[in-house]
Amino acid sequence: MAIRQILKRSLSNERRSTEVPKGHLAVYVGENEKKRFVIPLSYLSHPSFQDLLCQAEEEFGFHHPMGGLTIPCSQDLFVHLTYRLSRT
């Protein structure tokens, strides 16, 4: 599955850069300027987040410009989604 390959590559890149707590993943979000967010891995199984992962795959394939998983949506949308996911 393509999403697994993206995540595997992203996780290996993150280990080389800054520390991310166990059970979390760093992602870069933004349409123009990218901001780094650290999210729980549990978010990855939520259908709304999987939609974002599919968008990332369509736009970037396996080449993510930030070296980690890049999500091509507005930061406001991402913050709203992660807030909703944190409440469930």
PDB file of N, CA and C in Angstrom:
ATOM      1  N   MET A   1       0.847  -1.184   0.000  1.00  0.00           N
ATOM      2  CA  MET A   1       0.000   0.000   0.000  1.00  0.00           C
ATOM      3  C   MET A   1       0.886   1.239   0.000  1.00  0.00           C
ATOM      4  N   ALA A   2       0.554   2.226  -0.807  1.00  0.00           N
ATOM      5  CA  ALA A   2       1.368   3.423  -0.985  1.00  0.00           C
ATOM      6  C   ALA A   2       1.477   4.249   0.294  1.00  0.00           C
ATOM      7  N   ILE A   3       0.416   4.336   1.073  1.00  0.00           N
ATOM      8  CA  ILE A   3       0.450   5.130   2.299  1.00  0.00           C
ATOM      9  C   ILE A   3       1.490   4.573   3.256  1.00  0.00           C
ATOM     10  N   ARG A   4       1.591   3.262   3.337  1.00  0.00           N
ATOM     11  CA  ARG A   4       2.601   2.649   4.219  1.00  0.00           C
ATOM     12  C   ARG A   4       4.007   3.042   3.793  1.00  0.00           C
ATOM     13  N   GLN A   5       4.256   3.094   2.483  1.00  0.00           N
ATOM     14  CA  GLN A   5       5.579   3.483   2.004  1.00  0.00           C
ATOM     15  C   GLN A   5       5.885   4.932   2.362  1.00  0.00           C
ATOM     16  N   ILE A   6       4.899   5.802   2.224  1.00  0.00           N
ATOM     17  CA  ILE A   6       5.090   7.211   2.581  1.00  0.00           C
ATOM     18  C   ILE A   6       5.430   7.326   4.062  1.00  0.00           C
ATOM     19  N   LEU A   7       4.649   6.640   4.894  1.00  0.00           N
ATOM     20  CA  LEU A   7       4.864   6.722   6.339  1.00  0.00           C
ATOM     21  C   LEU A   7       6.210   6.124   6.736  1.00  0.00           C
ATOM     22  N   LYS A   8       6.577   5.003   6.137  1.00  0.00           N
ATOM     23  CA  LYS A   8       7.853   4.369   6.453  1.00  0.00           C
ATOM     24  C   LYS A   8       9.015   5.321   6.135  1.00  0.00           C
ATOM     25  N   ARG A   9       8.943   5.948   4.982  1.00  0.00           N
ATOM     26  CA  ARG A   9       9.993   6.893   4.588  1.00  0.00           C
ATOM     27  C   ARG A   9       9.999   8.105   5.504  1.00  0.00           C
ATOM     28  N   SER A  10       8.810   8.596   5.828  1.00  0.00           N
ATOM     29  CA  SER A  10       8.697   9.753   6.697  1.00  0.00           C
ATOM     30  C   SER A  10       9.261   9.456   8.079  1.00  0.00           C
ATOM     31  N   LEU A  11       8.945   8.294   8.612  1.00  0.00           N
ATOM     32  CA  LEU A  11       9.447   7.929   9.938  1.00  0.00           C
ATOM     33  C   LEU A  11      10.964   7.831   9.939  1.00  0.00           C
ATOM     34  N   SER A  12      11.557   7.260   8.886  1.00  0.00           N
ATOM     35  CA  SER A  12      13.008   7.150   8.853  1.00  0.00           C
ATOM     36  C   SER A  12      13.654   8.525   8.723  1.00  0.00           C
ATOM     37  N   ASN A  13      13.048   9.434   7.975  1.00  0.00           N
ATOM     38  CA  ASN A  13      13.575  10.795   7.864  1.00  0.00           C
ATOM     39  C   ASN A  13      13.475  11.534   9.180  1.00  0.00           C
ATOM     40  N   GLU A  14      12.384  11.334   9.905  1.00  0.00           N
ATOM     41  CA  GLU A  14      12.189  12.033  11.171  1.00  0.00           C
ATOM     42  C   GLU A  14      13.218  11.595  12.209  1.00  0.00           C
ATOM     43  N   ARG A  15      13.605  10.343  12.190  1.00  0.00           N
ATOM     44  CA  ARG A  15      14.597   9.875  13.163  1.00  0.00           C
ATOM     45  C   ARG A  15      15.925  10.590  12.976  1.00  0.00           C
ATOM     46  N   ARG A  16      16.199  10.956  11.724  1.00  0.00           N
ATOM     47  CA  ARG A  16      17.464  11.645  11.458  1.00  0.00           C
ATOM     48  C   ARG A  16      17.419  13.114  11.846  1.00  0.00           C
ATOM     49  N   SER A  17      16.252  13.700  11.916  1.00  0.00           N
ATOM     50  CA  SER A  17      16.176  15.119  12.255  1.00  0.00           C
ATOM     51  C   SER A  17      15.887  15.258  13.747  1.00  0.00           C
ATOM     52  N   THR A  18      14.856  15.960  14.106  1.00  0.00           N
ATOM     53  CA  THR A  18      14.559  16.192  15.510  1.00  0.00           C
ATOM     54  C   THR A  18      13.767  15.041  16.102  1.00  0.00           C
ATOM     55  N   GLU A  19      13.833  14.914  17.399  1.00  0.00           N
ATOM     56  CA  GLU A  19      13.139  13.839  18.088  1.00  0.00           C
ATOM     57  C   GLU A  19      11.631  14.021  18.051  1.00  0.00           C
ATOM     58  N   VAL A  20      10.942  12.922  17.845  1.00  0.00           N
ATOM     59  CA  VAL A  20       9.484  12.882  17.874  1.00  0.00           C
ATOM     60  C   VAL A  20       9.122  11.845  18.933  1.00  0.00           C
ATOM     61  N   PRO A  21       8.213  12.182  19.851  1.00  0.00           N
ATOM     62  CA  PRO A  21       7.864  11.221  20.897  1.00  0.00           C
ATOM     63  C   PRO A  21       7.354   9.902  20.314  1.00  0.00           C
ATOM     64  N   LYS A  22       7.621   8.827  21.016  1.00  0.00           N
ATOM     65  CA  LYS A  22       7.144   7.517  20.592  1.00  0.00           C
ATOM     66  C   LYS A  22       5.623   7.562  20.446  1.00  0.00           C
ATOM     67  N   GLY A  23       5.124   6.953  19.368  1.00  0.00           N
ATOM     68  CA  GLY A  23       3.691   6.941  19.126  1.00  0.00           C
ATOM     69  C   GLY A  23       3.191   8.175  18.401  1.00  0.00           C
ATOM     70  N   HIS A  24       4.108   9.001  17.907  1.00  0.00           N
ATOM     71  CA  HIS A  24       3.753  10.230  17.197  1.00  0.00           C
ATOM     72  C   HIS A  24       4.489  10.299  15.864  1.00  0.00           C
ATOM     73  N   LEU A  25       4.059  11.220  15.033  1.00  0.00           N
ATOM     74  CA  LEU A  25       4.643  11.419  13.722  1.00  0.00           C
ATOM     75  C   LEU A  25       4.677  12.914  13.433  1.00  0.00           C
ATOM     76  N   ALA A  26       5.778  13.382  12.882  1.00  0.00           N
ATOM     77  CA  ALA A  26       5.866  14.782  12.469  1.00  0.00           C
ATOM     78  C   ALA A  26       5.402  14.887  11.020  1.00  0.00           C
ATOM     79  N   VAL A  27       4.555  15.858  10.738  1.00  0.00           N
ATOM     80  CA  VAL A  27       4.093  16.125   9.382  1.00  0.00           C
ATOM     81  C   VAL A  27       4.266  17.617   9.105  1.00  0.00           C
ATOM     82  N   TYR A  28       4.381  17.934   7.828  1.00  0.00           N
ATOM     83  CA  TYR A  28       4.492  19.326   7.403  1.00  0.00           C
ATOM     84  C   TYR A  28       3.211  19.683   6.673  1.00  0.00           C
ATOM     85  N   VAL A  29       2.628  20.811   7.052  1.00  0.00           N
ATOM     86  CA  VAL A  29       1.312  21.182   6.548  1.00  0.00           C
ATOM     87  C   VAL A  29       1.341  22.601   6.014  1.00  0.00           C
ATOM     88  N   GLY A  30       0.673  22.802   4.898  1.00  0.00           N
ATOM     89  CA  GLY A  30       0.529  24.140   4.350  1.00  0.00           C
ATOM     90  C   GLY A  30       0.477  24.101   2.846  1.00  0.00           C
ATOM     91  N   GLU A  31      -0.147  25.109   2.300  1.00  0.00           N
ATOM     92  CA  GLU A  31      -0.238  25.201   0.852  1.00  0.00           C
ATOM     93  C   GLU A  31       0.991  25.912   0.268  1.00  0.00           C
ATOM     94  N   ASN A  32       1.442  26.952   0.921  1.00  0.00           N
ATOM     95  CA  ASN A  32       2.651  27.659   0.476  1.00  0.00           C
ATOM     96  C   ASN A  32       3.745  27.491   1.523  1.00  0.00           C
ATOM     97  N   GLU A  33       3.580  28.138   2.646  1.00  0.00           N
ATOM     98  CA  GLU A  33       4.539  28.009   3.743  1.00  0.00           C
ATOM     99  C   GLU A  33       4.159  26.799   4.583  1.00  0.00           C
ATOM    100  N   LYS A  34       5.127  25.930   4.841  1.00  0.00           N
ATOM    101  CA  LYS A  34       4.869  24.693   5.577  1.00  0.00           C
ATOM    102  C   LYS A  34       5.192  24.871   7.059  1.00  0.00           C
ATOM    103  N   LYS A  35       4.338  24.285   7.904  1.00  0.00           N
ATOM    104  CA  LYS A  35       4.545  24.299   9.346  1.00  0.00           C
ATOM    105  C   LYS A  35       4.595  22.853   9.822  1.00  0.00           C
ATOM    106  N   ARG A  36       5.473  22.581  10.759  1.00  0.00           N
ATOM    107  CA  ARG A  36       5.642  21.225  11.288  1.00  0.00           C
ATOM    108  C   ARG A  36       4.682  20.997  12.456  1.00  0.00           C
ATOM    109  N   PHE A  37       3.964  19.869  12.403  1.00  0.00           N
ATOM    110  CA  PHE A  37       3.076  19.447  13.475  1.00  0.00           C
ATOM    111  C   PHE A  37       3.478  18.041  13.902  1.00  0.00           C
ATOM    112  N   VAL A  38       3.356  17.742  15.172  1.00  0.00           N
ATOM    113  CA  VAL A  38       3.589  16.393  15.682  1.00  0.00           C
ATOM    114  C   VAL A  38       2.232  15.859  16.122  1.00  0.00           C
ATOM    115  N   ILE A  39       1.838  14.738  15.518  1.00  0.00           N
ATOM    116  CA  ILE A  39       0.508  14.192  15.767  1.00  0.00           C
ATOM    117  C   ILE A  39       0.609  12.751  16.271  1.00  0.00           C
ATOM    118  N   PRO A  40      -0.390  12.281  17.010  1.00  0.00           N
ATOM    119  CA  PRO A  40      -0.411  10.876  17.419  1.00  0.00           C
ATOM    120  C   PRO A  40      -0.620   9.965  16.204  1.00  0.00           C
ATOM    121  N   LEU A  41       0.026   8.810  16.213  1.00  0.00           N
ATOM    122  CA  LEU A  41      -0.144   7.857  15.128  1.00  0.00           C
ATOM    123  C   LEU A  41      -1.589   7.383  14.997  1.00  0.00           C
ATOM    124  N   SER A  42      -2.347   7.440  16.065  1.00  0.00           N
ATOM    125  CA  SER A  42      -3.745   6.995  16.033  1.00  0.00           C
ATOM    126  C   SER A  42      -4.580   7.793  15.034  1.00  0.00           C
ATOM    127  N   TYR A  43      -4.175   9.032  14.729  1.00  0.00           N
ATOM    128  CA  TYR A  43      -4.917   9.845  13.768  1.00  0.00           C
ATOM    129  C   TYR A  43      -4.904   9.215  12.369  1.00  0.00           C
ATOM    130  N   LEU A  44      -3.860   8.450  12.071  1.00  0.00           N
ATOM    131  CA  LEU A  44      -3.691   7.906  10.728  1.00  0.00           C
ATOM    132  C   LEU A  44      -4.803   6.945  10.328  1.00  0.00           C
ATOM    133  N   SER A  45      -5.468   6.353  11.298  1.00  0.00           N
ATOM    134  CA  SER A  45      -6.516   5.391  10.971  1.00  0.00           C
ATOM    135  C   SER A  45      -7.885   6.048  10.789  1.00  0.00           C
ATOM    136  N   HIS A  46      -7.997   7.317  11.072  1.00  0.00           N
ATOM    137  CA  HIS A  46      -9.275   8.020  10.939  1.00  0.00           C
ATOM    138  C   HIS A  46      -9.533   8.341   9.462  1.00  0.00           C
ATOM    139  N   PRO A  47     -10.767   8.072   8.971  1.00  0.00           N
ATOM    140  CA  PRO A  47     -11.075   8.310   7.552  1.00  0.00           C
ATOM    141  C   PRO A  47     -10.774   9.734   7.065  1.00  0.00           C
ATOM    142  N   SER A  48     -11.029  10.748   7.880  1.00  0.00           N
ATOM    143  CA  SER A  48     -10.745  12.128   7.461  1.00  0.00           C
ATOM    144  C   SER A  48      -9.254  12.345   7.251  1.00  0.00           C
ATOM    145  N   PHE A  49      -8.446  11.751   8.118  1.00  0.00           N
ATOM    146  CA  PHE A  49      -7.001  11.903   7.970  1.00  0.00           C
ATOM    147  C   PHE A  49      -6.500  11.087   6.789  1.00  0.00           C
ATOM    148  N   GLN A  50      -7.098   9.936   6.557  1.00  0.00           N
ATOM    149  CA  GLN A  50      -6.706   9.129   5.401  1.00  0.00           C
ATOM    150  C   GLN A  50      -6.982   9.864   4.093  1.00  0.00           C
ATOM    151  N   ASP A  51      -8.035  10.677   4.065  1.00  0.00           N
ATOM    152  CA  ASP A  51      -8.297  11.504   2.884  1.00  0.00           C
ATOM    153  C   ASP A  51      -7.138  12.465   2.626  1.00  0.00           C
ATOM    154  N   LEU A  52      -6.616  13.057   3.695  1.00  0.00           N
ATOM    155  CA  LEU A  52      -5.464  13.957   3.547  1.00  0.00           C
ATOM    156  C   LEU A  52      -4.236  13.198   3.051  1.00  0.00           C
ATOM    157  N   LEU A  53      -4.053  11.974   3.541  1.00  0.00           N
ATOM    158  CA  LEU A  53      -2.916  11.163   3.096  1.00  0.00           C
ATOM    159  C   LEU A  53      -3.035  10.833   1.603  1.00  0.00           C
ATOM    160  N   CYS A  54      -4.239  10.572   1.146  1.00  0.00           N
ATOM    161  CA  CYS A  54      -4.446  10.308  -0.286  1.00  0.00           C
ATOM    162  C   CYS A  54      -4.137  11.549  -1.112  1.00  0.00           C
ATOM    163  N   GLN A  55      -4.524  12.723  -0.609  1.00  0.00           N
ATOM    164  CA  GLN A  55      -4.197  13.970  -1.304  1.00  0.00           C
ATOM    165  C   GLN A  55      -2.691  14.163  -1.384  1.00  0.00           C
ATOM    166  N   ALA A  56      -1.998  13.843  -0.282  1.00  0.00           N
ATOM    167  CA  ALA A  56      -0.538  13.966  -0.260  1.00  0.00           C
ATOM    168  C   ALA A  56       0.088  13.024  -1.277  1.00  0.00           C
ATOM    169  N   GLU A  57      -0.430  11.812  -1.359  1.00  0.00           N
ATOM    170  CA  GLU A  57       0.095  10.846  -2.322  1.00  0.00           C
ATOM    171  C   GLU A  57      -0.132  11.330  -3.752  1.00  0.00           C
ATOM    172  N   GLU A  58      -1.316  11.867  -4.036  1.00  0.00           N
ATOM    173  CA  GLU A  58      -1.619  12.357  -5.376  1.00  0.00           C
ATOM    174  C   GLU A  58      -0.719  13.519  -5.767  1.00  0.00           C
ATOM    175  N   GLU A  59      -0.468  14.416  -4.803  1.00  0.00           N
ATOM    176  CA  GLU A  59       0.321  15.612  -5.127  1.00  0.00           C
ATOM    177  C   GLU A  59       1.819  15.348  -5.149  1.00  0.00           C
ATOM    178  N   PHE A  60       2.316  14.574  -4.185  1.00  0.00           N
ATOM    179  CA  PHE A  60       3.762  14.419  -4.038  1.00  0.00           C
ATOM    180  C   PHE A  60       4.284  13.033  -4.384  1.00  0.00           C
ATOM    181  N   GLY A  61       3.407  12.027  -4.483  1.00  0.00           N
ATOM    182  CA  GLY A  61       3.900  10.666  -4.678  1.00  0.00           C
ATOM    183  C   GLY A  61       4.754  10.286  -3.485  1.00  0.00           C
ATOM    184  N   PHE A  62       5.968   9.830  -3.753  1.00  0.00           N
ATOM    185  CA  PHE A  62       6.867   9.459  -2.666  1.00  0.00           C
ATOM    186  C   PHE A  62       7.977  10.485  -2.464  1.00  0.00           C
ATOM    187  N   HIS A  63       7.894  11.594  -3.168  1.00  0.00           N
ATOM    188  CA  HIS A  63       8.894  12.663  -3.010  1.00  0.00           C
ATOM    189  C   HIS A  63       8.244  13.818  -2.254  1.00  0.00           C
ATOM    190  N   HIS A  64       8.589  13.939  -0.998  1.00  0.00           N
ATOM    191  CA  HIS A  64       8.030  15.014  -0.179  1.00  0.00           C
ATOM    192  C   HIS A  64       9.103  16.084  -0.007  1.00  0.00           C
ATOM    193  N   PRO A  65       8.814  17.304  -0.418  1.00  0.00           N
ATOM    194  CA  PRO A  65       9.820  18.361  -0.461  1.00  0.00           C
ATOM    195  C   PRO A  65      10.438  18.705   0.893  1.00  0.00           C
ATOM    196  N   MET A  66       9.735  18.451   1.976  1.00  0.00           N
ATOM    197  CA  MET A  66      10.254  18.805   3.296  1.00  0.00           C
ATOM    198  C   MET A  66      11.088  17.672   3.906  1.00  0.00           C
ATOM    199  N   GLY A  67      11.179  16.538   3.219  1.00  0.00           N
ATOM    200  CA  GLY A  67      11.927  15.406   3.749  1.00  0.00           C
ATOM    201  C   GLY A  67      11.086  14.522   4.651  1.00  0.00           C
ATOM    202  N   GLY A  68       9.923  14.965   5.018  1.00  0.00           N
ATOM    203  CA  GLY A  68       8.988  14.182   5.819  1.00  0.00           C
ATOM    204  C   GLY A  68       7.632  14.236   5.160  1.00  0.00           C
ATOM    205  N   LEU A  69       6.669  13.636   5.765  1.00  0.00           N
ATOM    206  CA  LEU A  69       5.326  13.607   5.199  1.00  0.00           C
ATOM    207  C   LEU A  69       4.772  15.028   5.102  1.00  0.00           C
ATOM    208  N   THR A  70       4.401  15.436   3.894  1.00  0.00           N
ATOM    209  CA  THR A  70       3.868  16.768   3.649  1.00  0.00           C
ATOM    210  C   THR A  70       2.397  16.654   3.288  1.00  0.00           C
ATOM    211  N   ILE A  71       1.557  17.405   3.992  1.00  0.00           N
ATOM    212  CA  ILE A  71       0.113  17.393   3.778  1.00  0.00           C
ATOM    213  C   ILE A  71      -0.268  18.686   3.047  1.00  0.00           C
ATOM    214  N   PRO A  72      -0.820  18.579   1.825  1.00  0.00           N
ATOM    215  CA  PRO A  72      -1.135  19.769   1.046  1.00  0.00           C
ATOM    216  C   PRO A  72      -2.528  20.331   1.344  1.00  0.00           C
ATOM    217  N   CYS A  73      -2.692  20.909   2.526  1.00  0.00           N
ATOM    218  CA  CYS A  73      -3.952  21.575   2.858  1.00  0.00           C
ATOM    219  C   CYS A  73      -3.616  22.803   3.696  1.00  0.00           C
ATOM    220  N   SER A  74      -4.607  23.637   3.928  1.00  0.00           N
ATOM    221  CA  SER A  74      -4.340  24.830   4.731  1.00  0.00           C
ATOM    222  C   SER A  74      -4.062  24.420   6.175  1.00  0.00           C
ATOM    223  N   GLN A  75      -3.260  25.213   6.839  1.00  0.00           N
ATOM    224  CA  GLN A  75      -2.955  24.935   8.242  1.00  0.00           C
ATOM    225  C   GLN A  75      -4.208  25.042   9.099  1.00  0.00           C
ATOM    226  N   ASP A  76      -5.101  25.974   8.758  1.00  0.00           N
ATOM    227  CA  ASP A  76      -6.355  26.114   9.510  1.00  0.00           C
ATOM    228  C   ASP A  76      -7.202  24.850   9.432  1.00  0.00           C
ATOM    229  N   LEU A  77      -7.332  24.292   8.237  1.00  0.00           N
ATOM    230  CA  LEU A  77      -8.091  23.055   8.060  1.00  0.00           C
ATOM    231  C   LEU A  77      -7.460  21.916   8.867  1.00  0.00           C
ATOM    232  N   PHE A  78      -6.139  21.820   8.818  1.00  0.00           N
ATOM    233  CA  PHE A  78      -5.431  20.763   9.541  1.00  0.00           C
ATOM    234  C   PHE A  78      -5.628  20.906  11.047  1.00  0.00           C
ATOM    235  N   VAL A  79      -5.510  22.112  11.553  1.00  0.00           N
ATOM    236  CA  VAL A  79      -5.702  22.348  12.992  1.00  0.00           C
ATOM    237  C   VAL A  79      -7.132  21.996  13.388  1.00  0.00           C
ATOM    238  N   HIS A  80      -8.091  22.376  12.568  1.00  0.00           N
ATOM    239  CA  HIS A  80      -9.493  22.051  12.853  1.00  0.00           C
ATOM    240  C   HIS A  80      -9.697  20.532  12.883  1.00  0.00           C
ATOM    241  N   LEU A  81      -9.139  19.823  11.898  1.00  0.00           N
ATOM    242  CA  LEU A  81      -9.287  18.370  11.852  1.00  0.00           C
ATOM    243  C   LEU A  81      -8.626  17.704  13.059  1.00  0.00           C
ATOM    244  N   THR A  82      -7.411  18.106  13.390  1.00  0.00           N
ATOM    245  CA  THR A  82      -6.725  17.467  14.505  1.00  0.00           C
ATOM    246  C   THR A  82      -7.418  17.803  15.837  1.00  0.00           C
ATOM    247  N   TYR A  83      -8.012  18.981  15.916  1.00  0.00           N
ATOM    248  CA  TYR A  83      -8.777  19.312  17.130  1.00  0.00           C
ATOM    249  C   TYR A  83      -9.965  18.359  17.257  1.00  0.00           C
ATOM    250  N   ARG A  84     -10.690  18.152  16.158  1.00  0.00           N
ATOM    251  CA  ARG A  84     -11.822  17.222  16.180  1.00  0.00           C
ATOM    252  C   ARG A  84     -11.381  15.809  16.543  1.00  0.00           C
ATOM    253  N   LEU A  85     -10.257  15.374  15.978  1.00  0.00           N
ATOM    254  CA  LEU A  85      -9.767  14.024  16.269  1.00  0.00           C
ATOM    255  C   LEU A  85      -9.323  13.885  17.722  1.00  0.00           C
ATOM    256  N   SER A  86      -8.805  14.957  18.298  1.00  0.00           N
ATOM    257  CA  SER A  86      -8.352  14.880  19.689  1.00  0.00           C
ATOM    258  C   SER A  86      -9.527  14.811  20.664  1.00  0.00           C
ATOM    259  N   ARG A  87     -10.717  15.204  20.211  1.00  0.00           N
ATOM    260  CA  ARG A  87     -11.902  15.213  21.068  1.00  0.00           C
ATOM    261  C   ARG A  87     -12.638  13.868  21.045  1.00  0.00           C
ATOM    262  N   THR A  88     -12.224  12.967  20.148  1.00  0.00           N
ATOM    263  CA  THR A  88     -12.917  11.682  20.056  1.00  0.00           C
ATOM    264  C   THR A  88     -12.223  10.601  20.836  1.00  0.00           C
TER     265      THR A  88
END
